[in-house]
Amino acid sequence: MPSSDRSPPLTGITVIDLGRVLAAPFATSVLASLGARVIKVERPGRGDDARAFGPHHKGRSLYFTSVNCDKESIALDLTNDGDRQVFEALLSGADVMVENFAPGVMAAFGYNWETLHARWPRLIYGALSGFGQSGPLSSAPAYDIIVQALSGMMDLTGTPGGPPVRVGVSMGDLVAGLYMALGVVSAIHKRSATGSGCLIDVAMLDCQIAFLEAAVTTFTTTRVSPRALGTRHPSIAPFQAFHCNDAWIVIACGNDNLFKTLCDAIGRDDLARAPRFETNAARIAAVDQLDAQLTATLATRTAEEWVEVLTAAGVPCAAIQSIEQMVAMPQVAARGMIVPVDDPELPATCVPGNPIRFSSVTPRSSRKRAPTLDGDRAAILQELAHRLGG
């Protein structure tokens, strides 16, 4: 008989979130979207640094809101004996703790992995940092742009001969957060068999390297360092952006048949017959010439007209959209990927929905508001009263 339980898969899992700014808070946001209870432990007075990041609306940070919905907040000073008792009471009932301090900070508070594992053997400890818990850079500070720079990501991004370009979102933080969430779920699964928690060591630089697609494999085999190609693909052509007579579109012809279809659709079957463009390998070798020919033809009509023509022919293509245009897409609405935040002070605010869909879980139509600093103290302390001797 199929189960009638429609609850999210991490229902019943409690996560203590000591994360700041983006990487760890994004990891715990993913866990919250999967049903975990996330209790955010913040510094008294200031809280998470992201609370001060703009843009602000009605005194609330929209940056902070974007990765802290569905969480609770309690402010604790880990150098204060009373607050340490509260923190330890939280840990005693938690499944997971995630932090993104520099290595050594938690040890200075007396909460390194060895100490926590000895006291709470089932606790899973997620340590997320710029360079990890080992190696010559382990104690060095890191932000997203630092790991994008060191990983080669920025050298691969931008136009040929142009300056290096940072990816438009904080990939260094977001990718690391995603890997941490995956690590936590994997550790929960392993704990179900072993009964023991573990330390998860995730480094932002490691994660950026893992996201370099074929660049590492290509270089170590050929000793030729991949370079920035603008919107072009290093091994497929045409696979890039083209400017029509009013706006940009992208076209992706992943095989020779699609290239022939493209040529027919735009009235340039001569290109498909030309030996220099006959195969993908030939097109890569002559990509500048191919670019010039396609650009000249595509410039004769509007982006909307070409997207309509190419889509009807079965050629993968799309307009390059703004965030405003993306939010208005029927496809995005159909998938529930823009969801409102239940916050009367921010009635128009929405955040991305959960991209992971389960046949056994009813998708949520909204997210709980991001917590105010220390806003859940009273409820949490009441819940912990029996552990605190109250």
Protein backbone atom coordinates (compact mmCIF):
# COMPACT_ATOMS: atom_id res chain seq x y z
CA MET A 1 0.00 0.00 0.00
CA PRO A 2 1.38 3.47 -0.85
CA SER A 3 2.08 5.69 2.14
CA SER A 4 -0.23 8.60 2.86
CA ASP A 5 2.61 10.57 4.46
CA ARG A 6 3.21 13.64 2.29
CA SER A 7 5.72 15.30 4.61
CA PRO A 8 9.15 16.43 3.33
CA PRO A 9 11.98 13.87 3.58
CA LEU A 10 13.94 15.65 6.35
CA THR A 11 10.97 16.11 8.65
CA GLY A 12 12.14 15.36 12.21
CA ILE A 13 15.75 16.39 11.55
CA THR A 14 17.02 19.35 13.61
CA VAL A 15 19.87 21.49 12.32
CA ILE A 16 21.80 24.07 14.35
CA ASP A 17 22.92 26.77 11.94
CA LEU A 18 25.94 28.84 12.98
CA GLY A 19 26.38 30.03 9.42
CA ARG A 20 27.06 33.59 8.37
CA VAL A 21 26.43 35.47 5.13
CA LEU A 22 25.90 32.90 2.36
CA ALA A 23 27.68 29.54 2.06
CA ALA A 24 26.49 27.82 5.26
CA PRO A 25 23.14 29.68 5.39
CA PHE A 26 22.46 28.52 1.82
CA ALA A 27 23.27 24.93 2.83
CA THR A 28 20.85 25.07 5.74
CA SER A 29 18.25 26.80 3.58
CA VAL A 30 18.37 23.80 1.26
CA LEU A 31 17.95 21.51 4.27
CA ALA A 32 15.02 23.61 5.50
CA SER A 33 13.34 23.36 2.10
CA LEU A 34 13.64 19.58 2.46
CA GLY A 35 11.79 19.69 5.76
CA ALA A 36 14.51 20.05 8.40
CA ARG A 37 13.98 22.29 11.40
CA VAL A 38 16.75 24.90 11.30
CA ILE A 39 17.64 26.92 14.40
CA LYS A 40 19.93 29.80 13.56
CA VAL A 41 22.36 30.73 16.35
CA GLU A 42 23.51 34.34 15.94
CA ARG A 43 25.67 36.88 17.71
CA PRO A 44 23.76 39.07 20.18
CA GLY A 45 23.20 42.60 18.96
CA ARG A 46 24.38 42.22 15.35
CA GLY A 47 23.40 38.75 14.28
CA ASP A 48 24.44 37.35 10.94
CA ASP A 49 26.52 39.88 8.96
CA ALA A 50 24.06 39.46 6.08
CA ARG A 51 21.40 41.32 8.07
CA ALA A 52 23.35 44.49 7.24
CA PHE A 53 23.65 43.72 3.51
CA GLY A 54 21.46 45.59 1.05
CA PRO A 55 19.16 46.01 -0.58
CA HIS A 56 16.91 46.78 2.37
CA HIS A 57 13.14 47.21 2.32
CA LYS A 58 11.29 48.51 5.36
CA GLY A 59 14.44 47.97 7.37
CA ARG A 60 14.75 44.30 6.36
CA SER A 61 17.65 42.89 4.35
CA LEU A 62 16.40 41.21 1.21
CA TYR A 63 19.79 39.51 0.91
CA PHE A 64 19.33 37.93 4.34
CA THR A 65 15.74 36.99 3.54
CA SER A 66 16.76 35.16 0.38
CA VAL A 67 18.61 32.38 2.25
CA ASN A 68 17.07 32.39 5.72
CA CYS A 69 13.38 31.68 5.27
CA ASP A 70 11.87 28.84 7.33
CA LYS A 71 14.43 29.23 10.13
CA GLU A 72 14.26 30.16 13.81
CA SER A 73 16.70 32.55 15.51
CA ILE A 74 18.26 32.70 18.93
CA ALA A 75 21.15 35.01 19.86
CA LEU A 76 23.89 33.40 21.95
CA ASP A 77 27.31 34.57 23.10
CA LEU A 78 29.48 31.46 23.14
CA THR A 79 31.89 33.08 25.59
CA ASN A 80 29.09 33.46 28.15
CA ASP A 81 28.54 30.50 30.51
CA GLY A 82 24.77 30.81 30.52
CA ASP A 83 24.55 31.04 26.74
CA ARG A 84 26.93 28.10 26.40
CA GLN A 85 24.54 26.01 28.48
CA VAL A 86 21.71 26.94 26.12
CA PHE A 87 23.89 26.13 23.10
CA GLU A 88 24.83 22.75 24.52
CA ALA A 89 21.20 22.01 25.30
CA LEU A 90 20.44 22.73 21.64
CA LEU A 91 23.22 20.41 20.52
CA SER A 92 21.99 17.61 22.76
CA GLY A 93 18.75 17.47 20.80
CA ALA A 94 20.18 18.22 17.35
CA ASP A 95 21.04 15.96 14.46
CA VAL A 96 23.32 18.35 12.59
CA MET A 97 25.41 21.46 13.26
CA VAL A 98 26.69 23.55 10.35
CA GLU A 99 29.17 26.44 10.58
CA ASN A 100 31.40 28.42 8.22
CA PHE A 101 33.91 29.97 10.58
CA ALA A 102 37.59 29.89 9.75
CA PRO A 103 39.22 26.63 10.93
CA GLY A 104 40.12 26.89 14.61
CA VAL A 105 37.37 29.30 15.65
CA MET A 106 35.06 26.61 17.02
CA ALA A 107 37.99 24.96 18.76
CA ALA A 108 38.72 28.28 20.49
CA PHE A 109 35.18 28.19 21.86
CA GLY A 110 35.78 24.61 23.06
CA TYR A 111 33.54 23.05 20.39
CA ASN A 112 35.91 21.31 18.02
CA TRP A 113 34.87 18.07 16.31
CA GLU A 114 36.60 15.74 18.76
CA THR A 115 34.95 17.38 21.78
CA LEU A 116 31.49 17.43 20.25
CA HIS A 117 31.73 13.86 18.96
CA ALA A 118 32.76 12.59 22.39
CA ARG A 119 29.73 14.23 24.02
CA TRP A 120 27.16 13.70 21.26
CA PRO A 121 28.28 10.76 19.12
CA ARG A 122 25.27 10.99 16.78
CA LEU A 123 25.78 14.66 15.97
CA ILE A 124 26.82 15.41 12.40
CA TYR A 125 29.23 18.36 12.18
CA GLY A 126 29.35 20.32 8.91
CA ALA A 127 32.44 22.56 8.70
CA LEU A 128 32.40 24.80 5.63
CA SER A 129 35.36 27.10 4.94
CA GLY A 130 37.26 28.71 2.13
CA PHE A 131 40.07 26.17 1.92
CA GLY A 132 39.07 23.33 4.21
CA GLN A 133 40.46 21.96 7.46
CA SER A 134 43.84 20.99 5.98
CA GLY A 135 46.47 22.33 3.59
CA PRO A 136 48.72 25.40 3.60
CA LEU A 137 45.83 27.82 2.97
CA SER A 138 43.46 26.36 5.55
CA SER A 139 43.63 29.43 7.80
CA ALA A 140 43.46 32.01 5.00
CA PRO A 141 40.33 34.15 4.66
CA ALA A 142 38.14 33.57 1.61
CA TYR A 143 35.16 35.08 -0.11
CA ASP A 144 33.38 34.00 -3.27
CA ILE A 145 35.56 36.13 -5.56
CA ILE A 146 38.73 34.71 -3.99
CA VAL A 147 37.85 31.11 -4.83
CA GLN A 148 36.46 32.05 -8.25
CA ALA A 149 39.85 33.66 -8.94
CA LEU A 150 42.03 30.84 -7.59
CA SER A 151 40.01 28.02 -9.17
CA GLY A 152 40.39 29.27 -12.72
CA MET A 153 36.66 30.02 -12.95
CA MET A 154 37.24 33.73 -13.60
CA ASP A 155 39.90 33.00 -16.21
CA LEU A 156 37.33 30.90 -18.09
CA THR A 157 34.64 33.57 -17.83
CA GLY A 158 34.46 36.62 -20.08
CA THR A 159 35.34 37.41 -23.67
CA PRO A 160 38.53 36.37 -25.50
CA GLY A 161 41.27 38.87 -24.78
CA GLY A 162 39.08 40.73 -22.30
CA PRO A 163 39.49 41.08 -18.54
CA PRO A 164 38.56 38.18 -16.25
CA VAL A 165 34.92 38.20 -15.17
CA ARG A 166 33.30 37.08 -11.94
CA VAL A 167 30.26 34.85 -12.49
CA GLY A 168 27.20 37.03 -11.87
CA VAL A 169 26.12 35.18 -8.73
CA SER A 170 28.27 33.99 -5.81
CA MET A 171 29.07 30.57 -7.23
CA GLY A 172 31.87 30.04 -4.71
CA ASP A 173 29.41 30.19 -1.82
CA LEU A 174 26.40 28.60 -3.48
CA VAL A 175 28.17 25.56 -4.86
CA ALA A 176 29.86 24.94 -1.51
CA GLY A 177 26.51 25.26 0.25
CA LEU A 178 24.95 22.76 -2.12
CA TYR A 179 27.78 20.26 -1.57
CA MET A 180 27.43 20.73 2.19
CA ALA A 181 23.70 19.98 2.00
CA LEU A 182 24.46 16.86 -0.02
CA GLY A 183 27.10 15.87 2.52
CA VAL A 184 24.65 16.31 5.39
CA VAL A 185 21.99 14.16 3.74
CA SER A 186 24.62 11.49 2.98
CA ALA A 187 25.86 11.57 6.59
CA ILE A 188 22.31 11.18 7.90
CA HIS A 189 21.93 8.11 5.70
CA LYS A 190 25.22 6.62 6.93
CA ARG A 191 24.30 7.34 10.55
CA SER A 192 21.17 5.26 10.13
CA ALA A 193 23.46 2.27 9.58
CA THR A 194 26.32 3.06 11.95
CA GLY A 195 24.61 5.07 14.69
CA SER A 196 27.48 7.55 14.58
CA GLY A 197 27.80 11.09 13.28
CA CYS A 198 30.79 12.38 11.36
CA LEU A 199 32.68 15.53 10.44
CA ILE A 200 31.93 16.95 6.98
CA ASP A 201 34.80 19.10 5.70
CA VAL A 202 33.74 21.19 2.68
CA ALA A 203 36.04 23.80 1.12
CA MET A 204 34.79 26.50 -1.24
CA LEU A 205 37.88 26.18 -3.44
CA ASP A 206 37.44 22.40 -3.71
CA CYS A 207 33.84 22.87 -4.80
CA GLN A 208 34.73 25.44 -7.46
CA ILE A 209 37.31 23.03 -8.88
CA ALA A 210 34.69 20.27 -8.92
CA PHE A 211 32.46 22.56 -11.02
CA LEU A 212 35.00 23.22 -13.80
CA GLU A 213 33.35 20.69 -16.10
CA ALA A 214 35.98 19.27 -18.52
CA ALA A 215 38.61 21.99 -17.97
CA VAL A 216 40.78 20.01 -15.55
CA THR A 217 40.62 16.83 -17.64
CA THR A 218 41.39 18.76 -20.82
CA PHE A 219 44.39 20.55 -19.37
CA THR A 220 45.97 17.56 -17.62
CA THR A 221 45.70 15.54 -20.84
CA THR A 222 46.73 18.15 -23.41
CA ARG A 223 48.67 20.63 -21.22
CA VAL A 224 46.72 23.38 -23.00
CA SER A 225 44.93 25.68 -20.57
CA PRO A 226 41.30 26.37 -21.55
CA ARG A 227 40.53 30.04 -22.15
CA ALA A 228 37.60 32.39 -21.93
CA LEU A 229 35.32 32.09 -24.96
CA GLY A 230 32.51 34.50 -24.17
CA THR A 231 29.27 32.58 -24.64
CA ARG A 232 30.83 29.94 -26.89
CA HIS A 233 31.20 26.31 -25.93
CA PRO A 234 34.79 24.98 -26.10
CA SER A 235 33.88 21.88 -28.11
CA ILE A 236 30.47 22.44 -29.78
CA ALA A 237 29.52 24.91 -32.52
CA PRO A 238 27.30 26.78 -32.98
CA PHE A 239 26.62 26.93 -29.25
CA GLN A 240 26.61 30.59 -28.22
CA ALA A 241 24.79 33.91 -28.14
CA PHE A 242 23.95 35.85 -31.31
CA HIS A 243 22.64 39.39 -31.67
CA CYS A 244 19.54 39.74 -33.82
CA ASN A 245 18.45 43.15 -35.02
CA ASP A 246 17.12 44.12 -31.59
CA ALA A 247 18.27 41.70 -28.88
CA TRP A 248 20.30 38.61 -28.06
CA ILE A 249 19.38 34.96 -28.37
CA VAL A 250 21.29 31.75 -27.78
CA ILE A 251 21.44 28.83 -30.18
CA ALA A 252 22.69 25.37 -29.21
CA CYS A 253 23.31 22.87 -31.99
CA GLY A 254 24.66 19.85 -30.19
CA ASN A 255 25.09 17.68 -33.29
CA ASP A 256 25.46 17.86 -37.07
CA ASN A 257 21.79 17.19 -37.76
CA LEU A 258 20.73 20.13 -35.62
CA PHE A 259 23.18 22.35 -37.49
CA LYS A 260 21.62 21.32 -40.80
CA THR A 261 18.17 22.03 -39.36
CA LEU A 262 19.34 25.46 -38.24
CA CYS A 263 20.72 26.28 -41.67
CA ASP A 264 17.48 25.24 -43.35
CA ALA A 265 15.39 27.26 -40.90
CA ILE A 266 17.33 30.49 -41.48
CA GLY A 267 17.61 30.01 -45.24
CA ARG A 268 21.33 29.27 -45.23
CA ASP A 269 21.52 25.68 -46.43
CA ASP A 270 24.74 26.71 -48.20
CA LEU A 271 26.45 26.71 -44.79
CA ALA A 272 25.43 23.11 -44.13
CA ARG A 273 26.88 22.08 -47.51
CA ALA A 274 30.19 23.89 -47.03
CA PRO A 275 33.04 21.44 -46.20
CA ARG A 276 34.45 23.87 -43.63
CA PHE A 277 31.19 23.60 -41.63
CA GLU A 278 30.18 20.02 -42.44
CA THR A 279 31.13 18.45 -39.10
CA ASN A 280 31.28 19.74 -35.55
CA ALA A 281 35.07 19.38 -35.51
CA ALA A 282 35.30 21.45 -38.70
CA ARG A 283 32.97 24.09 -37.29
CA ILE A 284 35.06 24.42 -34.13
CA ALA A 285 38.16 24.93 -36.29
CA ALA A 286 36.36 27.62 -38.30
CA VAL A 287 34.18 29.02 -35.52
CA ASP A 288 35.01 32.67 -36.20
CA GLN A 289 33.96 32.34 -39.84
CA LEU A 290 30.80 30.48 -38.83
CA ASP A 291 30.02 33.17 -36.24
CA ALA A 292 30.31 35.90 -38.87
CA GLN A 293 28.02 34.11 -41.31
CA LEU A 294 25.31 33.32 -38.76
CA THR A 295 25.49 36.78 -37.17
CA ALA A 296 24.95 38.48 -40.53
CA THR A 297 21.85 36.38 -41.23
CA LEU A 298 20.36 36.57 -37.74
CA ALA A 299 20.74 40.36 -37.74
CA THR A 300 18.03 40.59 -40.42
CA ARG A 301 15.14 39.79 -38.06
CA THR A 302 14.11 40.34 -34.46
CA ALA A 303 15.00 38.02 -31.63
CA GLU A 304 11.35 37.13 -31.09
CA GLU A 305 10.92 36.23 -34.77
CA TRP A 306 13.99 34.03 -34.84
CA VAL A 307 13.06 32.23 -31.62
CA GLU A 308 9.64 31.47 -33.10
CA VAL A 309 11.15 30.19 -36.37
CA LEU A 310 13.87 28.12 -34.75
CA THR A 311 11.62 26.66 -32.07
CA ALA A 312 9.14 25.55 -34.73
CA ALA A 313 12.00 23.85 -36.57
CA GLY A 314 13.19 22.06 -33.43
CA VAL A 315 16.43 24.01 -32.98
CA PRO A 316 17.29 24.58 -29.28
CA CYS A 317 17.27 28.34 -28.75
CA ALA A 318 16.13 30.98 -26.29
CA ALA A 319 16.01 34.69 -25.70
CA ILE A 320 18.51 36.00 -23.16
CA GLN A 321 16.16 37.23 -20.47
CA SER A 322 16.34 39.63 -17.57
CA ILE A 323 15.37 38.49 -14.09
CA GLU A 324 12.09 40.37 -14.60
CA GLN A 325 11.34 38.37 -17.73
CA MET A 326 12.30 35.08 -16.09
CA VAL A 327 9.98 35.68 -13.13
CA ALA A 328 7.08 36.25 -15.55
CA MET A 329 7.60 32.98 -17.47
CA PRO A 330 4.60 30.59 -17.49
CA GLN A 331 7.04 27.68 -17.26
CA VAL A 332 8.48 29.08 -14.04
CA ALA A 333 4.99 29.58 -12.63
CA ALA A 334 3.95 26.06 -13.63
CA ARG A 335 6.89 24.62 -11.70
CA GLY A 336 6.22 26.77 -8.63
CA MET A 337 9.72 28.24 -8.69
CA ILE A 338 8.79 31.72 -7.47
CA VAL A 339 7.04 31.47 -4.10
CA PRO A 340 5.86 34.20 -1.73
CA VAL A 341 7.28 34.73 1.73
CA ASP A 342 4.74 34.73 4.56
CA ASP A 343 5.82 38.11 5.88
CA PRO A 344 3.24 40.88 6.35
CA GLU A 345 6.04 43.47 6.36
CA LEU A 346 7.26 42.29 2.94
CA PRO A 347 4.00 41.37 1.18
CA ALA A 348 5.47 41.42 -2.34
CA THR A 349 8.64 39.49 -1.53
CA CYS A 350 9.20 36.12 -3.16
CA VAL A 351 12.08 33.66 -3.10
CA PRO A 352 13.00 30.73 -5.34
CA GLY A 353 11.02 27.57 -4.77
CA ASN A 354 12.52 24.15 -4.09
CA PRO A 355 13.84 22.70 -7.38
CA ILE A 356 13.75 19.15 -5.99
CA ARG A 357 10.36 17.51 -6.55
CA PHE A 358 9.24 14.31 -4.85
CA SER A 359 6.21 12.31 -5.92
CA SER A 360 5.59 11.60 -2.23
CA VAL A 361 5.73 15.23 -1.03
CA THR A 362 3.22 18.00 -1.57
CA PRO A 363 5.12 21.06 -2.90
CA ARG A 364 4.91 24.13 -0.70
CA SER A 365 3.22 27.24 -2.04
CA SER A 366 5.04 29.66 0.29
CA ARG A 367 7.99 29.99 2.68
CA LYS A 368 7.98 31.17 6.28
CA ARG A 369 9.50 34.58 6.86
CA ALA A 370 13.17 34.92 7.71
CA PRO A 371 13.49 35.23 11.49
CA THR A 372 14.09 38.45 13.33
CA LEU A 373 17.27 38.42 15.37
CA ASP A 374 16.65 36.40 18.58
CA GLY A 375 12.97 36.33 17.65
CA ASP A 376 12.45 32.73 18.75
CA ARG A 377 14.33 32.91 22.06
CA ALA A 378 11.33 32.56 24.36
CA ALA A 379 9.88 29.56 22.53
CA ILE A 380 13.25 27.82 22.25
CA LEU A 381 14.13 28.35 25.91
CA GLN A 382 10.74 27.03 26.96
CA GLU A 383 11.33 23.96 24.85
CA LEU A 384 14.79 23.48 26.40
CA ALA A 385 13.65 24.05 29.98
CA HIS A 386 13.85 20.38 30.93
CA ARG A 387 17.42 20.16 29.62
CA LEU A 388 18.45 23.34 31.42
CA GLY A 389 16.99 22.26 34.74
CA GLY A 390 14.22 24.84 34.53
